[in-house]
Amino acid sequence: MLETEQVPIVTDHVLHAGMYSRTITMPPYTPLVGALIKIPTLVITVGDGCVYVDGEWKIVRGYQVIPGCKGRKQAFFSVGPLIITMIFPTSAKTVQEAEEEFTDEHELLLSRRQDLNTVTITGE
């Protein structure tokens, strides 16, 4: 997948009150392979698509809150626009620190490879 043309995807980062969230919006009919996530997180999806995790495809529709286990690698395919937010508690003060906390594959993240980020750090 890394050798194919990459769809531009904005990543919205928020560090607030000891929590880090990152949100992307996938255009319709877009595949996305995620990094290996080494910590437990919550994953919130809004829209329609499929997620491949634990060896099977699962359909996501509408609004869903999904517990994400540590040690997972997942793939998504959007059917329509698909918004995905990942959230976890952290003491990170920067996006770079938060990304390095949740994956050892941080250099492969779209947020590191595409300059399409918004960042909100409140300091609370």
N, C-alpha and C. Protein backbone atom coordinates (compact mmCIF):
# COMPACT_ATOMS: atom_id res chain seq x y z
N MET A 1 0.82 -1.20 0.00
CA MET A 1 0.00 0.00 0.00
C MET A 1 0.87 1.27 0.00
N LEU A 2 2.03 1.23 0.65
CA LEU A 2 2.88 2.42 0.70
C LEU A 2 3.41 2.80 -0.68
N GLU A 3 3.45 1.85 -1.60
CA GLU A 3 3.96 2.13 -2.93
C GLU A 3 2.90 2.67 -3.88
N THR A 4 1.63 2.69 -3.46
CA THR A 4 0.57 3.25 -4.28
C THR A 4 0.43 4.74 -3.99
N GLU A 5 -0.27 5.44 -4.88
CA GLU A 5 -0.51 6.86 -4.67
C GLU A 5 -1.32 7.05 -3.39
N GLN A 6 -0.87 7.95 -2.53
CA GLN A 6 -1.50 8.18 -1.24
C GLN A 6 -2.58 9.24 -1.35
N VAL A 7 -3.76 8.92 -0.85
CA VAL A 7 -4.87 9.88 -0.82
C VAL A 7 -4.55 10.92 0.26
N PRO A 8 -4.70 12.22 -0.06
CA PRO A 8 -4.47 13.24 0.97
C PRO A 8 -5.55 13.13 2.06
N ILE A 9 -5.12 12.98 3.30
CA ILE A 9 -6.03 12.87 4.43
C ILE A 9 -5.53 13.78 5.55
N VAL A 10 -6.39 14.69 5.97
CA VAL A 10 -6.06 15.59 7.08
C VAL A 10 -6.16 14.81 8.39
N THR A 11 -5.20 15.03 9.28
CA THR A 11 -5.25 14.47 10.63
C THR A 11 -5.42 15.62 11.60
N ASP A 12 -6.51 15.57 12.38
CA ASP A 12 -6.78 16.57 13.42
C ASP A 12 -6.33 15.99 14.76
N HIS A 13 -5.35 16.64 15.39
CA HIS A 13 -4.79 16.19 16.67
C HIS A 13 -5.29 17.10 17.78
N VAL A 14 -5.65 16.51 18.92
CA VAL A 14 -6.02 17.29 20.11
C VAL A 14 -5.34 16.66 21.32
N LEU A 15 -4.62 17.49 22.07
CA LEU A 15 -4.08 17.11 23.38
C LEU A 15 -4.78 17.99 24.40
N HIS A 16 -5.57 17.35 25.28
CA HIS A 16 -6.36 18.10 26.26
C HIS A 16 -6.64 17.22 27.46
N ALA A 17 -6.43 17.75 28.65
CA ALA A 17 -6.82 17.11 29.91
C ALA A 17 -6.30 15.68 30.03
N GLY A 18 -5.06 15.46 29.63
CA GLY A 18 -4.47 14.13 29.76
C GLY A 18 -4.99 13.13 28.73
N MET A 19 -5.59 13.62 27.65
CA MET A 19 -6.09 12.76 26.59
C MET A 19 -5.51 13.22 25.25
N TYR A 20 -5.29 12.27 24.38
CA TYR A 20 -4.87 12.57 23.01
C TYR A 20 -5.89 11.95 22.06
N SER A 21 -6.34 12.75 21.09
CA SER A 21 -7.21 12.20 20.05
C SER A 21 -6.64 12.59 18.70
N ARG A 22 -6.85 11.71 17.74
CA ARG A 22 -6.48 11.99 16.35
C ARG A 22 -7.65 11.55 15.50
N THR A 23 -8.07 12.43 14.61
CA THR A 23 -9.25 12.20 13.79
C THR A 23 -8.89 12.37 12.32
N ILE A 24 -9.35 11.43 11.50
CA ILE A 24 -9.19 11.54 10.06
C ILE A 24 -10.57 11.38 9.42
N THR A 25 -10.72 11.94 8.23
CA THR A 25 -11.91 11.71 7.43
C THR A 25 -11.48 11.10 6.11
N MET A 26 -11.90 9.87 5.90
CA MET A 26 -11.54 9.15 4.67
C MET A 26 -12.59 9.46 3.61
N PRO A 27 -12.16 9.80 2.39
CA PRO A 27 -13.12 9.95 1.29
C PRO A 27 -13.74 8.59 0.95
N PRO A 28 -14.87 8.59 0.24
CA PRO A 28 -15.48 7.31 -0.17
C PRO A 28 -14.51 6.45 -0.98
N TYR A 29 -14.64 5.15 -0.76
CA TYR A 29 -13.90 4.12 -1.51
C TYR A 29 -12.39 4.25 -1.38
N THR A 30 -11.97 4.49 -0.14
CA THR A 30 -10.54 4.65 0.15
C THR A 30 -10.08 3.53 1.08
N PRO A 31 -9.00 2.84 0.74
CA PRO A 31 -8.41 1.87 1.66
C PRO A 31 -7.38 2.58 2.55
N LEU A 32 -7.23 2.09 3.77
CA LEU A 32 -6.23 2.64 4.68
C LEU A 32 -5.73 1.51 5.57
N VAL A 33 -4.42 1.34 5.63
CA VAL A 33 -3.81 0.36 6.52
C VAL A 33 -3.15 1.13 7.64
N GLY A 34 -3.53 0.81 8.87
CA GLY A 34 -3.01 1.53 10.02
C GLY A 34 -1.70 0.94 10.52
N ALA A 35 -1.06 1.71 11.38
CA ALA A 35 0.17 1.27 12.04
C ALA A 35 -0.18 0.26 13.13
N LEU A 36 0.81 -0.48 13.57
CA LEU A 36 0.63 -1.39 14.71
C LEU A 36 0.46 -0.54 15.97
N ILE A 37 -0.68 -0.69 16.61
CA ILE A 37 -1.02 0.10 17.80
C ILE A 37 -0.60 -0.71 19.03
N LYS A 38 0.27 -0.15 19.85
CA LYS A 38 0.83 -0.94 20.95
C LYS A 38 0.14 -0.69 22.30
N ILE A 39 -0.87 0.17 22.34
CA ILE A 39 -1.59 0.45 23.58
C ILE A 39 -3.10 0.34 23.36
N PRO A 40 -3.88 0.12 24.42
CA PRO A 40 -5.34 0.12 24.24
C PRO A 40 -5.85 1.54 23.99
N THR A 41 -6.86 1.66 23.13
CA THR A 41 -7.44 2.95 22.79
C THR A 41 -8.94 2.78 22.62
N LEU A 42 -9.63 3.89 22.50
CA LEU A 42 -11.00 3.89 22.00
C LEU A 42 -10.95 4.34 20.55
N VAL A 43 -11.79 3.74 19.72
CA VAL A 43 -11.91 4.14 18.32
C VAL A 43 -13.37 4.50 18.08
N ILE A 44 -13.60 5.71 17.59
CA ILE A 44 -14.94 6.17 17.28
C ILE A 44 -15.04 6.32 15.77
N THR A 45 -16.07 5.72 15.20
CA THR A 45 -16.29 5.85 13.76
C THR A 45 -17.64 6.51 13.51
N VAL A 46 -17.68 7.33 12.47
CA VAL A 46 -18.92 7.95 12.01
C VAL A 46 -18.94 7.79 10.50
N GLY A 47 -19.93 7.09 10.00
CA GLY A 47 -20.03 6.86 8.57
C GLY A 47 -20.12 5.38 8.26
N ASP A 48 -19.88 5.04 7.01
CA ASP A 48 -20.02 3.66 6.57
C ASP A 48 -18.72 3.13 5.99
N GLY A 49 -18.38 1.92 6.40
CA GLY A 49 -17.18 1.28 5.89
C GLY A 49 -16.98 -0.07 6.51
N CYS A 50 -15.77 -0.57 6.39
CA CYS A 50 -15.40 -1.86 6.95
C CYS A 50 -14.05 -1.70 7.65
N VAL A 51 -13.86 -2.49 8.70
CA VAL A 51 -12.57 -2.52 9.38
C VAL A 51 -12.11 -3.98 9.43
N TYR A 52 -10.85 -4.20 9.11
CA TYR A 52 -10.26 -5.53 9.18
C TYR A 52 -9.39 -5.58 10.42
N VAL A 53 -9.79 -6.39 11.36
CA VAL A 53 -9.04 -6.52 12.61
C VAL A 53 -9.26 -7.93 13.15
N ASP A 54 -8.25 -8.49 13.76
CA ASP A 54 -8.32 -9.85 14.31
C ASP A 54 -8.71 -10.88 13.25
N GLY A 55 -8.24 -10.68 12.01
CA GLY A 55 -8.44 -11.67 10.98
C GLY A 55 -9.79 -11.68 10.30
N GLU A 56 -10.60 -10.65 10.53
CA GLU A 56 -11.90 -10.62 9.85
C GLU A 56 -12.35 -9.19 9.58
N TRP A 57 -13.19 -9.05 8.54
CA TRP A 57 -13.78 -7.76 8.20
C TRP A 57 -15.05 -7.57 9.02
N LYS A 58 -15.21 -6.38 9.58
CA LYS A 58 -16.41 -6.02 10.33
C LYS A 58 -16.98 -4.75 9.71
N ILE A 59 -18.28 -4.71 9.56
CA ILE A 59 -18.95 -3.54 9.00
C ILE A 59 -19.15 -2.50 10.08
N VAL A 60 -18.86 -1.24 9.75
CA VAL A 60 -19.16 -0.12 10.65
C VAL A 60 -20.15 0.79 9.93
N ARG A 61 -21.21 1.17 10.65
CA ARG A 61 -22.24 2.04 10.09
C ARG A 61 -22.65 3.06 11.13
N GLY A 62 -22.89 4.27 10.66
CA GLY A 62 -23.36 5.31 11.58
C GLY A 62 -22.29 5.67 12.59
N TYR A 63 -22.69 5.80 13.85
CA TYR A 63 -21.79 6.19 14.94
C TYR A 63 -21.52 4.97 15.80
N GLN A 64 -20.24 4.65 15.99
CA GLN A 64 -19.87 3.52 16.84
C GLN A 64 -18.66 3.86 17.68
N VAL A 65 -18.66 3.38 18.92
CA VAL A 65 -17.50 3.48 19.81
C VAL A 65 -16.99 2.06 20.01
N ILE A 66 -15.73 1.86 19.64
CA ILE A 66 -15.16 0.51 19.60
C ILE A 66 -13.94 0.46 20.52
N PRO A 67 -13.89 -0.49 21.47
CA PRO A 67 -12.67 -0.65 22.25
C PRO A 67 -11.58 -1.26 21.36
N GLY A 68 -10.44 -0.62 21.33
CA GLY A 68 -9.31 -1.11 20.54
C GLY A 68 -8.26 -1.71 21.44
N CYS A 69 -7.97 -2.98 21.26
CA CYS A 69 -6.99 -3.67 22.09
C CYS A 69 -5.56 -3.29 21.71
N LYS A 70 -4.65 -3.39 22.67
CA LYS A 70 -3.24 -3.16 22.36
C LYS A 70 -2.74 -4.29 21.47
N GLY A 71 -1.70 -3.99 20.70
CA GLY A 71 -1.09 -4.99 19.84
C GLY A 71 -1.88 -5.26 18.57
N ARG A 72 -2.70 -4.31 18.12
CA ARG A 72 -3.53 -4.56 16.94
C ARG A 72 -2.98 -3.82 15.72
N LYS A 73 -3.25 -4.41 14.59
CA LYS A 73 -3.01 -3.78 13.29
C LYS A 73 -4.34 -3.87 12.58
N GLN A 74 -4.82 -2.78 12.05
CA GLN A 74 -6.14 -2.77 11.43
C GLN A 74 -6.08 -2.09 10.08
N ALA A 75 -7.07 -2.40 9.27
CA ALA A 75 -7.22 -1.76 7.97
C ALA A 75 -8.67 -1.30 7.86
N PHE A 76 -8.88 -0.20 7.18
CA PHE A 76 -10.22 0.34 6.95
C PHE A 76 -10.46 0.48 5.46
N PHE A 77 -11.73 0.37 5.08
CA PHE A 77 -12.16 0.71 3.73
C PHE A 77 -13.44 1.50 3.87
N SER A 78 -13.45 2.71 3.33
CA SER A 78 -14.63 3.58 3.44
C SER A 78 -15.58 3.30 2.28
N VAL A 79 -16.86 3.24 2.59
CA VAL A 79 -17.88 3.09 1.56
C VAL A 79 -18.40 4.48 1.19
N GLY A 80 -18.64 5.30 2.20
CA GLY A 80 -18.94 6.72 2.03
C GLY A 80 -17.87 7.46 2.80
N PRO A 81 -18.06 8.75 3.07
CA PRO A 81 -17.12 9.42 3.95
C PRO A 81 -17.09 8.69 5.31
N LEU A 82 -15.92 8.45 5.84
CA LEU A 82 -15.77 7.73 7.10
C LEU A 82 -14.83 8.51 8.00
N ILE A 83 -15.35 8.94 9.14
CA ILE A 83 -14.57 9.67 10.13
C ILE A 83 -14.12 8.67 11.19
N ILE A 84 -12.84 8.69 11.50
CA ILE A 84 -12.28 7.77 12.51
C ILE A 84 -11.50 8.60 13.52
N THR A 85 -11.83 8.43 14.79
CA THR A 85 -11.11 9.09 15.88
C THR A 85 -10.56 8.03 16.81
N MET A 86 -9.29 8.14 17.15
CA MET A 86 -8.66 7.27 18.14
C MET A 86 -8.32 8.14 19.35
N ILE A 87 -8.61 7.63 20.56
CA ILE A 87 -8.40 8.40 21.79
C ILE A 87 -7.70 7.51 22.82
N PHE A 88 -6.76 8.11 23.56
CA PHE A 88 -6.16 7.40 24.69
C PHE A 88 -5.62 8.39 25.71
N PRO A 89 -5.52 7.95 26.99
CA PRO A 89 -4.94 8.82 28.01
C PRO A 89 -3.43 8.90 27.82
N THR A 90 -2.86 10.08 28.09
CA THR A 90 -1.43 10.26 27.88
C THR A 90 -0.90 11.40 28.74
N SER A 91 0.39 11.39 28.95
CA SER A 91 1.05 12.55 29.57
C SER A 91 1.88 13.30 28.53
N ALA A 92 1.72 12.93 27.26
CA ALA A 92 2.46 13.58 26.17
C ALA A 92 2.14 15.07 26.13
N LYS A 93 3.12 15.85 25.78
CA LYS A 93 2.95 17.30 25.63
C LYS A 93 2.96 17.74 24.18
N THR A 94 3.37 16.84 23.27
CA THR A 94 3.42 17.15 21.84
C THR A 94 2.78 16.00 21.06
N VAL A 95 2.39 16.30 19.83
CA VAL A 95 1.84 15.26 18.96
C VAL A 95 2.89 14.19 18.71
N GLN A 96 4.12 14.60 18.48
CA GLN A 96 5.19 13.63 18.23
C GLN A 96 5.32 12.65 19.40
N GLU A 97 5.29 13.15 20.64
CA GLU A 97 5.36 12.27 21.81
C GLU A 97 4.18 11.31 21.85
N ALA A 98 2.98 11.81 21.56
CA ALA A 98 1.78 10.96 21.58
C ALA A 98 1.86 9.88 20.51
N GLU A 99 2.30 10.25 19.31
CA GLU A 99 2.41 9.26 18.23
C GLU A 99 3.43 8.18 18.59
N GLU A 100 4.53 8.58 19.19
CA GLU A 100 5.55 7.61 19.57
C GLU A 100 5.09 6.73 20.73
N GLU A 101 4.12 7.22 21.51
CA GLU A 101 3.56 6.42 22.59
C GLU A 101 2.66 5.31 22.07
N PHE A 102 1.87 5.58 21.03
CA PHE A 102 0.92 4.56 20.59
C PHE A 102 1.46 3.62 19.52
N THR A 103 2.56 3.98 18.83
CA THR A 103 3.11 3.07 17.82
C THR A 103 4.61 3.23 17.67
N ASP A 104 5.26 2.12 17.38
CA ASP A 104 6.69 2.16 17.03
C ASP A 104 6.86 2.44 15.54
N GLU A 105 5.74 2.43 14.80
CA GLU A 105 5.77 2.70 13.37
C GLU A 105 5.39 4.15 13.06
N HIS A 106 5.72 5.05 13.97
CA HIS A 106 5.30 6.45 13.85
C HIS A 106 5.79 7.12 12.58
N GLU A 107 6.93 6.72 12.05
CA GLU A 107 7.44 7.34 10.82
C GLU A 107 6.58 6.98 9.60
N LEU A 108 5.76 5.94 9.70
CA LEU A 108 4.89 5.54 8.59
C LEU A 108 3.53 6.23 8.62
N LEU A 109 3.21 6.93 9.69
CA LEU A 109 1.91 7.58 9.83
C LEU A 109 1.72 8.65 8.76
N LEU A 110 0.50 8.75 8.22
CA LEU A 110 0.21 9.80 7.24
C LEU A 110 0.46 11.19 7.83
N SER A 111 0.22 11.34 9.12
CA SER A 111 0.45 12.64 9.75
C SER A 111 1.92 13.04 9.71
N ARG A 112 2.82 12.10 9.56
CA ARG A 112 4.25 12.40 9.43
C ARG A 112 4.67 12.53 7.97
N ARG A 113 3.90 11.91 7.07
CA ARG A 113 4.29 11.87 5.66
C ARG A 113 3.56 12.89 4.81
N GLN A 114 2.44 13.41 5.31
CA GLN A 114 1.69 14.44 4.60
C GLN A 114 1.59 15.65 5.52
N ASP A 115 1.77 16.82 5.00
CA ASP A 115 1.69 18.03 5.81
C ASP A 115 0.26 18.55 5.81
N LEU A 116 -0.65 17.73 6.36
CA LEU A 116 -2.08 18.04 6.36
C LEU A 116 -2.62 17.87 7.79
N ASN A 117 -2.01 18.53 8.74
CA ASN A 117 -2.36 18.37 10.14
C ASN A 117 -2.95 19.64 10.72
N THR A 118 -3.91 19.46 11.63
CA THR A 118 -4.32 20.55 12.50
C THR A 118 -4.01 20.09 13.92
N VAL A 119 -3.56 20.98 14.75
CA VAL A 119 -3.13 20.63 16.09
C VAL A 119 -3.75 21.60 17.10
N THR A 120 -4.37 21.03 18.14
CA THR A 120 -4.87 21.80 19.27
C THR A 120 -4.26 21.22 20.53
N ILE A 121 -3.49 22.04 21.24
CA ILE A 121 -2.91 21.65 22.52
C ILE A 121 -3.35 22.70 23.53
N THR A 122 -4.14 22.27 24.53
CA THR A 122 -4.72 23.25 25.45
C THR A 122 -3.85 23.52 26.67
N GLY A 123 -3.00 22.58 27.03
CA GLY A 123 -2.18 22.78 28.22
C GLY A 123 -2.92 22.42 29.51
N GLU A 124 -4.15 22.00 29.42
CA GLU A 124 -4.88 21.58 30.62
C GLU A 124 -4.58 20.14 30.96
